[in-house]
Amino acid sequence: MISQAQVTDGTNMLRQLQFPAGALITMEDLQDSGREHVLDRLREQEPVTWLPALGGWLITSREGAREMLLPKAGATVEVSENMVRASLGKMMLTVDAPAHDRLRAPFERPFRAREAEHAFGDFIRGQADALIDRFADEGKAELHSAFAAEFAVAVAGHVIGLPLGESAKIDAYYADFAAARV
C-alpha cells in the first residue's frame, strides 16, 4: 500500500519537473531586498509556477492572476495544505462560494470605497502622514519596520475599535504565524 506521504512526495517531484524555474526559488528570493530580478525572470519563464519553498502556487503575471480569480477558473482555497485554514479554521479567506459569500456579506457595504473613505479616510491619511514624517528627512526607510507593520496594526485597531498600540508585538506574532508550515 502506498502512503499519503509517498503520494505527496511523488506529486512534489512531478511539479518540480514541470516547473523547474519555480523549483529553484528560495524563501530568501521572496523575502530579501534586491532579488526582484528573480521574480522578473520567473514572470517571463513560468508566470504560473509551483514553489516548493512555499509549498504552493505562485502567479506572477497580472493576466494569470486575473484569469485565476474568475469564477470559471474553478480555483479553490478549500485545500488541506492551506496554512491559514489549518491554523485559524474555516473563515472567509479559507472557503469557497457559497460559504465565502455568506461570510463576506456583512462586510460588503461598510467596506465599499465611498463608505470606507467616509469612515476611515481621515484616520488613515493621518496615520500614514505621521509615520512617513518619522523617516521623511532621512530620504529612505525599510518600509516594513518603519511603516507597514505599524500602519496595518493601527488601521486594523481603529477599524475594529481596539487600541492596538503594540504594533511590534503584534507584528512578531504575525511573523511567527507566517513562518509556520503546515
N, C-alpha and C. Protein backbone atom coordinates (compact mmCIF):
# COMPACT_ATOMS: atom_id res chain seq x y z
N MET A 1 0.84 -1.17 0.00
CA MET A 1 0.00 0.00 0.00
C MET A 1 0.89 1.25 0.00
N ILE A 2 0.52 2.23 -0.78
CA ILE A 2 1.27 3.49 -0.88
C ILE A 2 0.70 4.46 0.14
N SER A 3 1.58 5.10 0.90
CA SER A 3 1.14 6.04 1.93
C SER A 3 0.85 7.41 1.31
N GLN A 4 0.11 8.23 2.05
CA GLN A 4 -0.19 9.59 1.62
C GLN A 4 1.10 10.39 1.46
N ALA A 5 2.07 10.17 2.34
CA ALA A 5 3.36 10.87 2.25
C ALA A 5 4.07 10.54 0.95
N GLN A 6 4.01 9.28 0.53
CA GLN A 6 4.65 8.89 -0.72
C GLN A 6 3.95 9.54 -1.91
N VAL A 7 2.63 9.60 -1.86
CA VAL A 7 1.89 10.26 -2.93
C VAL A 7 2.26 11.74 -2.99
N THR A 8 2.31 12.39 -1.82
CA THR A 8 2.67 13.80 -1.75
C THR A 8 4.08 14.03 -2.28
N ASP A 9 5.03 13.18 -1.88
CA ASP A 9 6.41 13.31 -2.37
C ASP A 9 6.47 13.16 -3.89
N GLY A 10 5.72 12.20 -4.42
CA GLY A 10 5.68 11.99 -5.87
C GLY A 10 5.09 13.18 -6.60
N THR A 11 4.02 13.74 -6.04
CA THR A 11 3.39 14.92 -6.63
C THR A 11 4.36 16.09 -6.62
N ASN A 12 5.05 16.29 -5.50
CA ASN A 12 6.02 17.40 -5.42
C ASN A 12 7.16 17.22 -6.42
N MET A 13 7.65 16.00 -6.58
CA MET A 13 8.73 15.75 -7.54
C MET A 13 8.26 16.02 -8.96
N LEU A 14 7.04 15.59 -9.27
CA LEU A 14 6.49 15.83 -10.60
C LEU A 14 6.33 17.33 -10.85
N ARG A 15 5.84 18.06 -9.85
CA ARG A 15 5.68 19.51 -10.00
C ARG A 15 7.03 20.19 -10.21
N GLN A 16 8.07 19.72 -9.52
CA GLN A 16 9.39 20.33 -9.69
C GLN A 16 9.92 20.10 -11.10
N LEU A 17 9.59 18.96 -11.70
CA LEU A 17 10.00 18.70 -13.08
C LEU A 17 9.20 19.57 -14.06
N GLN A 18 7.91 19.75 -13.76
CA GLN A 18 7.06 20.55 -14.63
C GLN A 18 7.34 22.04 -14.51
N PHE A 19 7.80 22.48 -13.35
CA PHE A 19 8.03 23.89 -13.09
C PHE A 19 9.46 24.10 -12.57
N PRO A 20 10.46 23.89 -13.44
CA PRO A 20 11.86 23.93 -12.98
C PRO A 20 12.31 25.31 -12.49
N ALA A 21 11.80 26.39 -13.06
CA ALA A 21 12.20 27.73 -12.60
C ALA A 21 11.68 27.97 -11.18
N GLY A 22 10.44 27.59 -10.92
CA GLY A 22 9.88 27.73 -9.58
C GLY A 22 10.59 26.88 -8.56
N ALA A 23 11.05 25.71 -8.99
CA ALA A 23 11.74 24.79 -8.07
C ALA A 23 13.04 25.39 -7.55
N LEU A 24 13.60 26.35 -8.28
CA LEU A 24 14.87 26.96 -7.88
C LEU A 24 14.70 28.15 -6.92
N ILE A 25 13.48 28.63 -6.76
CA ILE A 25 13.22 29.80 -5.92
C ILE A 25 13.33 29.41 -4.45
N THR A 26 14.01 30.25 -3.68
CA THR A 26 14.15 30.03 -2.24
C THR A 26 13.31 31.06 -1.49
N MET A 27 13.11 30.84 -0.20
CA MET A 27 12.40 31.83 0.61
C MET A 27 13.17 33.15 0.62
N GLU A 28 14.48 33.09 0.60
CA GLU A 28 15.29 34.31 0.57
C GLU A 28 15.00 35.11 -0.69
N ASP A 29 14.80 34.42 -1.81
CA ASP A 29 14.46 35.11 -3.05
C ASP A 29 13.17 35.91 -2.91
N LEU A 30 12.26 35.40 -2.10
CA LEU A 30 10.96 36.05 -1.93
C LEU A 30 10.98 37.13 -0.85
N GLN A 31 11.94 37.05 0.07
CA GLN A 31 11.93 37.96 1.21
C GLN A 31 12.99 39.05 1.15
N ASP A 32 14.17 38.75 0.62
CA ASP A 32 15.28 39.68 0.70
C ASP A 32 15.20 40.76 -0.38
N SER A 33 15.53 41.97 0.01
CA SER A 33 15.53 43.06 -0.97
C SER A 33 16.66 42.83 -1.98
N GLY A 34 16.49 43.40 -3.15
CA GLY A 34 17.50 43.27 -4.18
C GLY A 34 17.36 42.01 -5.02
N ARG A 35 16.35 41.21 -4.76
CA ARG A 35 16.18 39.97 -5.53
C ARG A 35 14.95 40.03 -6.45
N GLU A 36 14.51 41.22 -6.75
CA GLU A 36 13.35 41.38 -7.61
C GLU A 36 13.56 40.75 -8.98
N HIS A 37 14.83 40.72 -9.43
CA HIS A 37 15.14 40.13 -10.74
C HIS A 37 14.74 38.65 -10.79
N VAL A 38 14.74 37.97 -9.65
CA VAL A 38 14.35 36.57 -9.62
C VAL A 38 12.87 36.44 -9.99
N LEU A 39 12.04 37.30 -9.44
CA LEU A 39 10.62 37.26 -9.77
C LEU A 39 10.37 37.75 -11.20
N ASP A 40 11.17 38.71 -11.66
CA ASP A 40 11.04 39.16 -13.06
C ASP A 40 11.33 38.00 -14.01
N ARG A 41 12.40 37.25 -13.72
CA ARG A 41 12.76 36.10 -14.56
C ARG A 41 11.66 35.04 -14.49
N LEU A 42 11.14 34.81 -13.31
CA LEU A 42 10.07 33.83 -13.14
C LEU A 42 8.83 34.26 -13.93
N ARG A 43 8.52 35.56 -13.89
CA ARG A 43 7.36 36.07 -14.62
C ARG A 43 7.51 35.81 -16.12
N GLU A 44 8.74 35.88 -16.64
CA GLU A 44 8.98 35.62 -18.05
C GLU A 44 8.94 34.13 -18.38
N GLN A 45 9.52 33.29 -17.51
CA GLN A 45 9.67 31.86 -17.80
C GLN A 45 8.45 31.03 -17.39
N GLU A 46 7.96 31.27 -16.19
CA GLU A 46 6.85 30.50 -15.64
C GLU A 46 5.92 31.42 -14.87
N PRO A 47 5.06 32.16 -15.58
CA PRO A 47 4.21 33.13 -14.88
C PRO A 47 3.25 32.47 -13.87
N VAL A 48 2.98 31.20 -14.07
CA VAL A 48 2.26 30.40 -13.07
C VAL A 48 3.18 29.23 -12.75
N THR A 49 3.54 29.09 -11.48
CA THR A 49 4.52 28.07 -11.13
C THR A 49 4.24 27.49 -9.75
N TRP A 50 4.81 26.33 -9.52
CA TRP A 50 4.78 25.68 -8.21
C TRP A 50 6.08 26.02 -7.50
N LEU A 51 5.98 26.52 -6.26
CA LEU A 51 7.16 26.87 -5.47
C LEU A 51 7.26 25.93 -4.28
N PRO A 52 8.17 24.97 -4.33
CA PRO A 52 8.35 24.09 -3.18
C PRO A 52 8.69 24.88 -1.91
N ALA A 53 9.39 26.01 -2.06
CA ALA A 53 9.75 26.82 -0.89
C ALA A 53 8.52 27.32 -0.15
N LEU A 54 7.43 27.55 -0.89
CA LEU A 54 6.17 27.98 -0.28
C LEU A 54 5.23 26.81 -0.02
N GLY A 55 5.49 25.71 -0.72
CA GLY A 55 4.53 24.61 -0.66
C GLY A 55 3.23 25.00 -1.33
N GLY A 56 3.33 25.85 -2.35
CA GLY A 56 2.12 26.32 -3.03
C GLY A 56 2.42 26.93 -4.38
N TRP A 57 1.36 27.40 -5.00
CA TRP A 57 1.45 28.01 -6.32
C TRP A 57 1.73 29.49 -6.19
N LEU A 58 2.42 30.04 -7.20
CA LEU A 58 2.67 31.47 -7.28
C LEU A 58 2.34 31.93 -8.68
N ILE A 59 1.54 32.96 -8.78
CA ILE A 59 1.20 33.57 -10.06
C ILE A 59 1.87 34.94 -10.08
N THR A 60 2.74 35.17 -11.04
CA THR A 60 3.49 36.42 -11.09
C THR A 60 3.02 37.38 -12.16
N SER A 61 2.12 36.94 -13.02
CA SER A 61 1.64 37.84 -14.07
C SER A 61 0.25 38.36 -13.73
N ARG A 62 0.00 39.59 -14.12
CA ARG A 62 -1.31 40.20 -13.88
C ARG A 62 -2.39 39.41 -14.61
N GLU A 63 -2.12 39.02 -15.85
CA GLU A 63 -3.10 38.29 -16.63
C GLU A 63 -3.43 36.95 -15.98
N GLY A 64 -2.40 36.25 -15.52
CA GLY A 64 -2.63 34.97 -14.86
C GLY A 64 -3.44 35.11 -13.59
N ALA A 65 -3.16 36.15 -12.82
CA ALA A 65 -3.90 36.39 -11.58
C ALA A 65 -5.35 36.72 -11.89
N ARG A 66 -5.58 37.58 -12.86
CA ARG A 66 -6.97 37.94 -13.22
C ARG A 66 -7.73 36.70 -13.71
N GLU A 67 -7.08 35.88 -14.51
CA GLU A 67 -7.73 34.66 -15.01
C GLU A 67 -8.07 33.71 -13.85
N MET A 68 -7.16 33.59 -12.91
CA MET A 68 -7.37 32.68 -11.78
C MET A 68 -8.52 33.14 -10.89
N LEU A 69 -8.74 34.44 -10.83
CA LEU A 69 -9.79 34.97 -9.97
C LEU A 69 -11.19 34.87 -10.57
N LEU A 70 -11.27 34.56 -11.85
CA LEU A 70 -12.57 34.42 -12.49
C LEU A 70 -13.29 33.19 -11.97
N PRO A 71 -14.60 33.28 -11.77
CA PRO A 71 -15.35 32.11 -11.28
C PRO A 71 -15.18 30.87 -12.16
N LYS A 72 -15.06 31.07 -13.48
CA LYS A 72 -14.93 29.93 -14.39
C LYS A 72 -13.59 29.21 -14.26
N ALA A 73 -12.62 29.81 -13.56
CA ALA A 73 -11.30 29.19 -13.41
C ALA A 73 -11.38 27.92 -12.58
N GLY A 74 -12.37 27.85 -11.71
CA GLY A 74 -12.53 26.66 -10.88
C GLY A 74 -11.49 26.55 -9.78
N ALA A 75 -10.82 27.63 -9.46
CA ALA A 75 -9.81 27.62 -8.39
C ALA A 75 -10.50 27.47 -7.04
N THR A 76 -9.78 26.92 -6.11
CA THR A 76 -10.34 26.73 -4.78
C THR A 76 -9.33 27.08 -3.70
N VAL A 77 -9.82 27.54 -2.58
CA VAL A 77 -8.97 27.74 -1.41
C VAL A 77 -9.19 26.62 -0.39
N GLU A 78 -10.15 25.77 -0.67
CA GLU A 78 -10.51 24.70 0.25
C GLU A 78 -9.63 23.48 0.03
N VAL A 79 -8.37 23.60 0.45
CA VAL A 79 -7.42 22.51 0.35
C VAL A 79 -6.80 22.28 1.72
N SER A 80 -6.40 21.05 1.97
CA SER A 80 -5.85 20.73 3.29
C SER A 80 -4.52 21.43 3.54
N GLU A 81 -3.79 21.79 2.48
CA GLU A 81 -2.49 22.43 2.64
C GLU A 81 -2.59 23.92 2.95
N ASN A 82 -3.79 24.47 3.07
CA ASN A 82 -3.97 25.90 3.31
C ASN A 82 -3.55 26.22 4.75
N MET A 83 -2.41 26.91 4.90
CA MET A 83 -1.86 27.19 6.23
C MET A 83 -2.80 28.04 7.07
N VAL A 84 -3.47 29.01 6.46
CA VAL A 84 -4.39 29.86 7.20
C VAL A 84 -5.55 29.02 7.74
N ARG A 85 -6.10 28.17 6.90
CA ARG A 85 -7.22 27.33 7.33
C ARG A 85 -6.77 26.33 8.40
N ALA A 86 -5.58 25.76 8.23
CA ALA A 86 -5.07 24.80 9.22
C ALA A 86 -4.88 25.48 10.57
N SER A 87 -4.51 26.76 10.56
CA SER A 87 -4.25 27.48 11.81
C SER A 87 -5.49 28.11 12.41
N LEU A 88 -6.31 28.72 11.57
CA LEU A 88 -7.43 29.51 12.07
C LEU A 88 -8.80 28.90 11.81
N GLY A 89 -8.84 27.84 11.03
CA GLY A 89 -10.12 27.20 10.76
C GLY A 89 -10.84 27.80 9.58
N LYS A 90 -12.09 27.41 9.41
CA LYS A 90 -12.88 27.90 8.29
C LYS A 90 -13.26 29.35 8.55
N MET A 91 -12.98 30.17 7.58
CA MET A 91 -13.32 31.59 7.62
C MET A 91 -13.42 32.10 6.19
N MET A 92 -13.74 33.37 6.01
CA MET A 92 -13.98 33.92 4.67
C MET A 92 -12.84 33.65 3.70
N LEU A 93 -11.59 33.70 4.17
CA LEU A 93 -10.45 33.53 3.28
C LEU A 93 -10.11 32.07 2.99
N THR A 94 -10.78 31.14 3.66
CA THR A 94 -10.41 29.73 3.50
C THR A 94 -11.55 28.86 3.00
N VAL A 95 -12.63 29.48 2.54
CA VAL A 95 -13.76 28.71 1.98
C VAL A 95 -14.16 29.31 0.64
N ASP A 96 -14.74 28.48 -0.19
CA ASP A 96 -15.23 28.91 -1.48
C ASP A 96 -16.70 29.30 -1.37
N ALA A 97 -17.25 29.85 -2.47
CA ALA A 97 -18.67 30.18 -2.51
C ALA A 97 -19.46 28.88 -2.37
N PRO A 98 -20.62 28.87 -1.81
CA PRO A 98 -21.39 30.00 -1.26
C PRO A 98 -21.02 30.37 0.18
N ALA A 99 -20.26 29.55 0.87
CA ALA A 99 -19.88 29.89 2.25
C ALA A 99 -19.09 31.19 2.30
N HIS A 100 -18.20 31.40 1.33
CA HIS A 100 -17.42 32.65 1.27
C HIS A 100 -18.37 33.84 1.15
N ASP A 101 -19.33 33.75 0.25
CA ASP A 101 -20.27 34.85 0.03
C ASP A 101 -21.07 35.15 1.30
N ARG A 102 -21.49 34.12 2.01
CA ARG A 102 -22.26 34.30 3.24
C ARG A 102 -21.41 35.00 4.31
N LEU A 103 -20.16 34.60 4.44
CA LEU A 103 -19.28 35.21 5.44
C LEU A 103 -18.85 36.63 5.06
N ARG A 104 -18.78 36.90 3.77
CA ARG A 104 -18.35 38.22 3.29
C ARG A 104 -19.47 39.25 3.32
N ALA A 105 -20.71 38.81 3.20
CA ALA A 105 -21.86 39.72 3.05
C ALA A 105 -21.92 40.84 4.10
N PRO A 106 -21.72 40.56 5.38
CA PRO A 106 -21.83 41.66 6.35
C PRO A 106 -20.79 42.77 6.17
N PHE A 107 -19.71 42.48 5.45
CA PHE A 107 -18.63 43.45 5.28
C PHE A 107 -18.69 44.20 3.95
N GLU A 108 -19.56 43.76 3.06
CA GLU A 108 -19.64 44.38 1.73
C GLU A 108 -19.91 45.87 1.80
N ARG A 109 -21.01 46.26 2.38
CA ARG A 109 -21.41 47.67 2.36
C ARG A 109 -20.45 48.56 3.17
N PRO A 110 -20.12 48.20 4.42
CA PRO A 110 -19.26 49.12 5.18
C PRO A 110 -17.86 49.31 4.59
N PHE A 111 -17.41 48.38 3.75
CA PHE A 111 -16.06 48.50 3.21
C PHE A 111 -16.03 48.82 1.72
N ARG A 112 -17.15 49.29 1.18
CA ARG A 112 -17.12 49.84 -0.17
C ARG A 112 -16.29 51.12 -0.12
N ALA A 113 -15.74 51.50 -1.25
CA ALA A 113 -14.81 52.63 -1.28
C ALA A 113 -15.39 53.89 -0.64
N ARG A 114 -16.60 54.27 -1.01
CA ARG A 114 -17.19 55.52 -0.50
C ARG A 114 -17.41 55.45 1.01
N GLU A 115 -17.95 54.34 1.49
CA GLU A 115 -18.21 54.19 2.91
C GLU A 115 -16.91 54.11 3.71
N ALA A 116 -15.93 53.39 3.19
CA ALA A 116 -14.64 53.27 3.89
C ALA A 116 -13.93 54.62 3.93
N GLU A 117 -13.97 55.38 2.85
CA GLU A 117 -13.36 56.71 2.82
C GLU A 117 -14.02 57.60 3.88
N HIS A 118 -15.32 57.57 3.95
CA HIS A 118 -16.04 58.40 4.92
C HIS A 118 -15.71 57.99 6.35
N ALA A 119 -15.70 56.70 6.62
CA ALA A 119 -15.50 56.21 7.98
C ALA A 119 -14.04 56.24 8.43
N PHE A 120 -13.12 55.99 7.52
CA PHE A 120 -11.73 55.77 7.93
C PHE A 120 -10.70 56.65 7.23
N GLY A 121 -11.10 57.38 6.19
CA GLY A 121 -10.15 58.12 5.37
C GLY A 121 -9.28 59.09 6.14
N ASP A 122 -9.87 59.91 7.00
CA ASP A 122 -9.07 60.89 7.75
C ASP A 122 -8.06 60.20 8.66
N PHE A 123 -8.50 59.15 9.34
CA PHE A 123 -7.59 58.43 10.23
C PHE A 123 -6.43 57.81 9.44
N ILE A 124 -6.75 57.18 8.32
CA ILE A 124 -5.73 56.51 7.51
C ILE A 124 -4.71 57.52 6.98
N ARG A 125 -5.19 58.64 6.45
CA ARG A 125 -4.27 59.67 5.95
C ARG A 125 -3.41 60.23 7.09
N GLY A 126 -4.02 60.48 8.23
CA GLY A 126 -3.27 61.00 9.37
C GLY A 126 -2.22 60.02 9.86
N GLN A 127 -2.59 58.75 9.93
CA GLN A 127 -1.65 57.72 10.37
C GLN A 127 -0.49 57.61 9.38
N ALA A 128 -0.80 57.59 8.09
CA ALA A 128 0.26 57.50 7.07
C ALA A 128 1.18 58.70 7.14
N ASP A 129 0.62 59.89 7.24
CA ASP A 129 1.44 61.11 7.32
C ASP A 129 2.35 61.08 8.55
N ALA A 130 1.82 60.69 9.70
CA ALA A 130 2.62 60.67 10.93
C ALA A 130 3.78 59.68 10.82
N LEU A 131 3.52 58.51 10.26
CA LEU A 131 4.59 57.52 10.12
C LEU A 131 5.64 57.96 9.11
N ILE A 132 5.20 58.53 8.00
CA ILE A 132 6.14 59.00 6.98
C ILE A 132 6.99 60.15 7.52
N ASP A 133 6.38 61.01 8.32
CA ASP A 133 7.14 62.13 8.90
C ASP A 133 8.31 61.65 9.74
N ARG A 134 8.20 60.46 10.32
CA ARG A 134 9.28 59.94 11.16
C ARG A 134 10.57 59.66 10.37
N PHE A 135 10.43 59.31 9.09
CA PHE A 135 11.62 58.95 8.30
C PHE A 135 11.81 59.81 7.05
N ALA A 136 10.92 60.74 6.81
CA ALA A 136 10.99 61.53 5.57
C ALA A 136 12.31 62.29 5.45
N ASP A 137 12.81 62.83 6.54
CA ASP A 137 14.05 63.61 6.46
C ASP A 137 15.25 62.77 6.06
N GLU A 138 15.22 61.47 6.38
CA GLU A 138 16.33 60.59 6.01
C GLU A 138 16.33 60.26 4.52
N GLY A 139 15.14 60.35 3.90
CA GLY A 139 15.04 60.07 2.47
C GLY A 139 14.99 58.61 2.12
N LYS A 140 15.02 57.74 3.10
CA LYS A 140 14.91 56.31 2.85
C LYS A 140 14.41 55.64 4.13
N ALA A 141 13.89 54.42 3.94
CA ALA A 141 13.39 53.66 5.09
C ALA A 141 13.18 52.21 4.68
N GLU A 142 13.27 51.34 5.65
CA GLU A 142 12.89 49.95 5.44
C GLU A 142 11.38 49.94 5.70
N LEU A 143 10.60 49.80 4.64
CA LEU A 143 9.17 50.06 4.73
C LEU A 143 8.42 49.14 5.70
N HIS A 144 8.84 47.91 5.84
CA HIS A 144 8.12 47.03 6.76
C HIS A 144 8.21 47.55 8.19
N SER A 145 9.43 47.76 8.66
CA SER A 145 9.58 48.15 10.06
C SER A 145 9.23 49.61 10.30
N ALA A 146 9.48 50.49 9.34
CA ALA A 146 9.24 51.92 9.54
C ALA A 146 7.81 52.34 9.23
N PHE A 147 7.09 51.52 8.47
CA PHE A 147 5.76 51.95 8.06
C PHE A 147 4.71 50.84 8.10
N ALA A 148 4.90 49.81 7.28
CA ALA A 148 3.81 48.86 7.00
C ALA A 148 3.26 48.16 8.24
N ALA A 149 4.12 47.64 9.10
CA ALA A 149 3.63 46.89 10.25
C ALA A 149 2.82 47.77 11.19
N GLU A 150 3.38 48.90 11.55
CA GLU A 150 2.67 49.79 12.48
C GLU A 150 1.40 50.36 11.84
N PHE A 151 1.48 50.69 10.57
CA PHE A 151 0.30 51.21 9.86
C PHE A 151 -0.82 50.18 9.84
N ALA A 152 -0.50 48.94 9.49
CA ALA A 152 -1.53 47.89 9.41
C ALA A 152 -2.18 47.65 10.76
N VAL A 153 -1.38 47.58 11.81
CA VAL A 153 -1.93 47.33 13.15
C VAL A 153 -2.80 48.50 13.60
N ALA A 154 -2.32 49.73 13.37
CA ALA A 154 -3.08 50.91 13.79
C ALA A 154 -4.42 51.00 13.06
N VAL A 155 -4.40 50.77 11.74
CA VAL A 155 -5.63 50.85 10.96
C VAL A 155 -6.59 49.73 11.36
N ALA A 156 -6.08 48.52 11.50
CA ALA A 156 -6.95 47.41 11.92
C ALA A 156 -7.57 47.69 13.28
N GLY A 157 -6.76 48.17 14.20
CA GLY A 157 -7.28 48.51 15.53
C GLY A 157 -8.36 49.57 15.46
N HIS A 158 -8.13 50.60 14.66
CA HIS A 158 -9.11 51.67 14.51
C HIS A 158 -10.42 51.13 13.92
N VAL A 159 -10.31 50.31 12.89
CA VAL A 159 -11.50 49.78 12.22
C VAL A 159 -12.34 48.94 13.17
N ILE A 160 -11.70 48.12 14.01
CA ILE A 160 -12.48 47.27 14.92
C ILE A 160 -12.69 47.91 16.29
N GLY A 161 -12.16 49.12 16.47
CA GLY A 161 -12.41 49.86 17.69
C GLY A 161 -11.57 49.43 18.89
N LEU A 162 -10.39 48.88 18.62
CA LEU A 162 -9.49 48.47 19.70
C LEU A 162 -8.18 49.24 19.61
N PRO A 163 -7.64 49.66 20.75
CA PRO A 163 -6.34 50.32 20.72
C PRO A 163 -5.23 49.28 20.64
N LEU A 164 -4.75 49.02 19.46
CA LEU A 164 -3.71 48.02 19.25
C LEU A 164 -2.35 48.70 19.17
N GLY A 165 -1.95 49.38 20.22
CA GLY A 165 -0.75 50.20 20.21
C GLY A 165 0.56 49.45 20.16
N GLU A 166 0.56 48.17 20.44
CA GLU A 166 1.83 47.44 20.47
C GLU A 166 2.06 46.75 19.13
N SER A 167 2.31 47.57 18.12
CA SER A 167 2.44 47.01 16.77
C SER A 167 3.62 46.06 16.65
N ALA A 168 4.73 46.32 17.34
CA ALA A 168 5.90 45.43 17.25
C ALA A 168 5.55 44.04 17.78
N LYS A 169 4.81 43.98 18.87
CA LYS A 169 4.43 42.69 19.46
C LYS A 169 3.45 41.95 18.53
N ILE A 170 2.49 42.67 18.00
CA ILE A 170 1.52 42.06 17.08
C ILE A 170 2.22 41.61 15.81
N ASP A 171 3.13 42.42 15.30
CA ASP A 171 3.89 42.05 14.11
C ASP A 171 4.73 40.80 14.36
N ALA A 172 5.29 40.67 15.55
CA ALA A 172 6.07 39.48 15.90
C ALA A 172 5.18 38.24 15.91
N TYR A 173 3.95 38.36 16.43
CA TYR A 173 3.02 37.24 16.39
C TYR A 173 2.73 36.84 14.95
N TYR A 174 2.48 37.85 14.11
CA TYR A 174 2.20 37.57 12.72
C TYR A 174 3.40 36.91 12.04
N ALA A 175 4.60 37.39 12.31
CA ALA A 175 5.80 36.81 11.70
C ALA A 175 5.95 35.35 12.11
N ASP A 176 5.67 35.04 13.37
CA ASP A 176 5.73 33.64 13.82
C ASP A 176 4.69 32.81 13.09
N PHE A 177 3.50 33.35 12.93
CA PHE A 177 2.45 32.63 12.21
C PHE A 177 2.83 32.42 10.76
N ALA A 178 3.34 33.48 10.11
CA ALA A 178 3.70 33.38 8.71
C ALA A 178 4.85 32.41 8.47
N ALA A 179 5.72 32.27 9.44
CA ALA A 179 6.88 31.39 9.30
C ALA A 179 6.51 29.92 9.52
N ALA A 180 5.34 29.67 10.09
CA ALA A 180 4.93 28.29 10.39
C ALA A 180 4.62 27.55 9.10
N ARG A 181 4.79 26.26 9.12
CA ARG A 181 4.47 25.40 7.98
C ARG A 181 3.44 24.37 8.42
N VAL A 182 2.54 24.05 7.54
CA VAL A 182 1.53 23.03 7.81
C VAL A 182 2.17 21.67 7.67
